[in-house]
Amino acid sequence: MKSKPLIKPIIVDKEKLEELHHILRTRKLTRERRYDEIKKYIGGVCSVCECIPTKILSYDMKGAELIERYCDECIKKWVK
């Protein structure tokens, strides 16, 4: 069972975020390439829908730390 997560917003420079959105809108990317682009700017994709995450959740797993990323829509649906 997971512990209660520590939730933090993902802070990205506005210009970098706009650049990422531009890349995702204007290029035809494979799923892997899309993941790589988001990872380059944000660090990873949403754990559920694989889009741009806005929150990082960290769980204490008895000596290890589990990190998950979620977008605003998925965090409302999946994290309780």
C-alpha atoms as a PDB file:
ATOM      1  CA  MET A   1       0.000   0.000   0.000  1.00  0.00           C
ATOM      2  CA  LYS A   2       1.284   3.429  -0.902  1.00  0.00           C
ATOM      3  CA  SER A   3       1.680   6.081   1.757  1.00  0.00           C
ATOM      4  CA  LYS A   4      -0.021   9.455   1.412  1.00  0.00           C
ATOM      5  CA  PRO A   5       1.910  11.319  -1.315  1.00  0.00           C
ATOM      6  CA  LEU A   6       3.667  14.640  -1.085  1.00  0.00           C
ATOM      7  CA  ILE A   7       2.268  16.685  -3.999  1.00  0.00           C
ATOM      8  CA  LYS A   8       4.324  19.443  -5.605  1.00  0.00           C
ATOM      9  CA  PRO A   9       3.624  21.530  -8.698  1.00  0.00           C
ATOM     10  CA  ILE A  10       5.985  21.121 -11.629  1.00  0.00           C
ATOM     11  CA  ILE A  11       7.555  24.507 -12.296  1.00  0.00           C
ATOM     12  CA  VAL A  12       8.628  25.099 -15.886  1.00  0.00           C
ATOM     13  CA  ASP A  13       9.783  28.335 -17.440  1.00  0.00           C
ATOM     14  CA  LYS A  14       6.916  29.810 -19.502  1.00  0.00           C
ATOM     15  CA  GLU A  15       9.085  30.097 -22.620  1.00  0.00           C
ATOM     16  CA  LYS A  16      10.192  26.453 -22.405  1.00  0.00           C
ATOM     17  CA  LEU A  17       6.606  25.310 -21.917  1.00  0.00           C
ATOM     18  CA  GLU A  18       5.480  27.312 -24.970  1.00  0.00           C
ATOM     19  CA  GLU A  19       8.360  25.816 -26.953  1.00  0.00           C
ATOM     20  CA  LEU A  20       7.278  22.304 -25.938  1.00  0.00           C
ATOM     21  CA  HIS A  21       3.643  22.997 -26.881  1.00  0.00           C
ATOM     22  CA  HIS A  22       4.811  24.324 -30.258  1.00  0.00           C
ATOM     23  CA  ILE A  23       6.874  21.183 -30.912  1.00  0.00           C
ATOM     24  CA  LEU A  24       3.983  18.901 -29.975  1.00  0.00           C
ATOM     25  CA  ARG A  25       1.497  20.860 -32.126  1.00  0.00           C
ATOM     26  CA  THR A  26       3.560  21.308 -35.260  1.00  0.00           C
ATOM     27  CA  ARG A  27       5.442  18.042 -35.641  1.00  0.00           C
ATOM     28  CA  LYS A  28       4.177  14.573 -36.372  1.00  0.00           C
ATOM     29  CA  LEU A  29       5.832  12.577 -33.622  1.00  0.00           C
ATOM     30  CA  THR A  30       5.783   8.911 -32.772  1.00  0.00           C
ATOM     31  CA  ARG A  31       4.643   7.995 -29.287  1.00  0.00           C
ATOM     32  CA  GLU A  32       8.275   7.422 -28.246  1.00  0.00           C
ATOM     33  CA  ARG A  33       9.479  10.729 -29.710  1.00  0.00           C
ATOM     34  CA  ARG A  34       6.595  12.608 -28.030  1.00  0.00           C
ATOM     35  CA  TYR A  35       7.583  11.001 -24.710  1.00  0.00           C
ATOM     36  CA  ASP A  36      11.226  12.007 -25.289  1.00  0.00           C
ATOM     37  CA  GLU A  37      10.291  15.631 -26.007  1.00  0.00           C
ATOM     38  CA  ILE A  38       8.115  15.914 -22.890  1.00  0.00           C
ATOM     39  CA  LYS A  39      10.798  14.179 -20.823  1.00  0.00           C
ATOM     40  CA  LYS A  40      13.419  16.638 -22.079  1.00  0.00           C
ATOM     41  CA  TYR A  41      11.371  19.638 -20.903  1.00  0.00           C
ATOM     42  CA  ILE A  42       9.408  18.283 -17.919  1.00  0.00           C
ATOM     43  CA  GLY A  43      11.220  15.144 -16.787  1.00  0.00           C
ATOM     44  CA  GLY A  44       8.532  12.652 -17.763  1.00  0.00           C
ATOM     45  CA  VAL A  45       4.929  12.243 -18.882  1.00  0.00           C
ATOM     46  CA  CYS A  46       1.672  11.884 -16.963  1.00  0.00           C
ATOM     47  CA  SER A  47       1.544   8.405 -15.432  1.00  0.00           C
ATOM     48  CA  VAL A  48      -1.968   7.834 -16.800  1.00  0.00           C
ATOM     49  CA  CYS A  49      -2.478   9.615 -20.138  1.00  0.00           C
ATOM     50  CA  GLU A  50       1.144  10.311 -21.169  1.00  0.00           C
ATOM     51  CA  CYS A  51       0.549  14.015 -21.757  1.00  0.00           C
ATOM     52  CA  ILE A  52       2.302  16.995 -20.123  1.00  0.00           C
ATOM     53  CA  PRO A  53       2.237  16.629 -16.320  1.00  0.00           C
ATOM     54  CA  THR A  54       1.648  19.503 -13.911  1.00  0.00           C
ATOM     55  CA  LYS A  55       2.219  17.786 -10.552  1.00  0.00           C
ATOM     56  CA  ILE A  56       4.844  15.486  -9.054  1.00  0.00           C
ATOM     57  CA  LEU A  57       3.786  13.056  -6.367  1.00  0.00           C
ATOM     58  CA  SER A  58       6.385  11.421  -4.174  1.00  0.00           C
ATOM     59  CA  TYR A  59       5.663   8.476  -1.911  1.00  0.00           C
ATOM     60  CA  ASP A  60       7.837   7.187   0.931  1.00  0.00           C
ATOM     61  CA  MET A  61       8.123   3.462   0.260  1.00  0.00           C
ATOM     62  CA  LYS A  62       9.990   2.394   3.423  1.00  0.00           C
ATOM     63  CA  GLY A  63      13.402   3.725   2.498  1.00  0.00           C
ATOM     64  CA  ALA A  64      12.809   4.272  -1.214  1.00  0.00           C
ATOM     65  CA  GLU A  65      10.994   7.114  -2.911  1.00  0.00           C
ATOM     66  CA  LEU A  66       8.395   6.509  -5.627  1.00  0.00           C
ATOM     67  CA  ILE A  67       7.918   9.442  -8.007  1.00  0.00           C
ATOM     68  CA  GLU A  68       4.849   9.795 -10.228  1.00  0.00           C
ATOM     69  CA  ARG A  69       3.770  12.638 -12.489  1.00  0.00           C
ATOM     70  CA  TYR A  70       0.178  13.611 -13.273  1.00  0.00           C
ATOM     71  CA  CYS A  71      -1.618  16.208 -15.386  1.00  0.00           C
ATOM     72  CA  ASP A  72      -4.432  18.241 -13.784  1.00  0.00           C
ATOM     73  CA  GLU A  73      -7.179  16.049 -15.255  1.00  0.00           C
ATOM     74  CA  CYS A  74      -5.670  12.723 -14.201  1.00  0.00           C
ATOM     75  CA  ILE A  75      -4.745  13.823 -10.687  1.00  0.00           C
ATOM     76  CA  LYS A  76      -8.410  14.641 -10.047  1.00  0.00           C
ATOM     77  CA  LYS A  77      -9.546  11.213 -11.275  1.00  0.00           C
ATOM     78  CA  TRP A  78      -6.785   8.898 -10.030  1.00  0.00           C
ATOM     79  CA  VAL A  79      -5.233  10.362  -6.866  1.00  0.00           C
ATOM     80  CA  LYS A  80      -7.298  10.204  -3.711  1.00  0.00           C
END
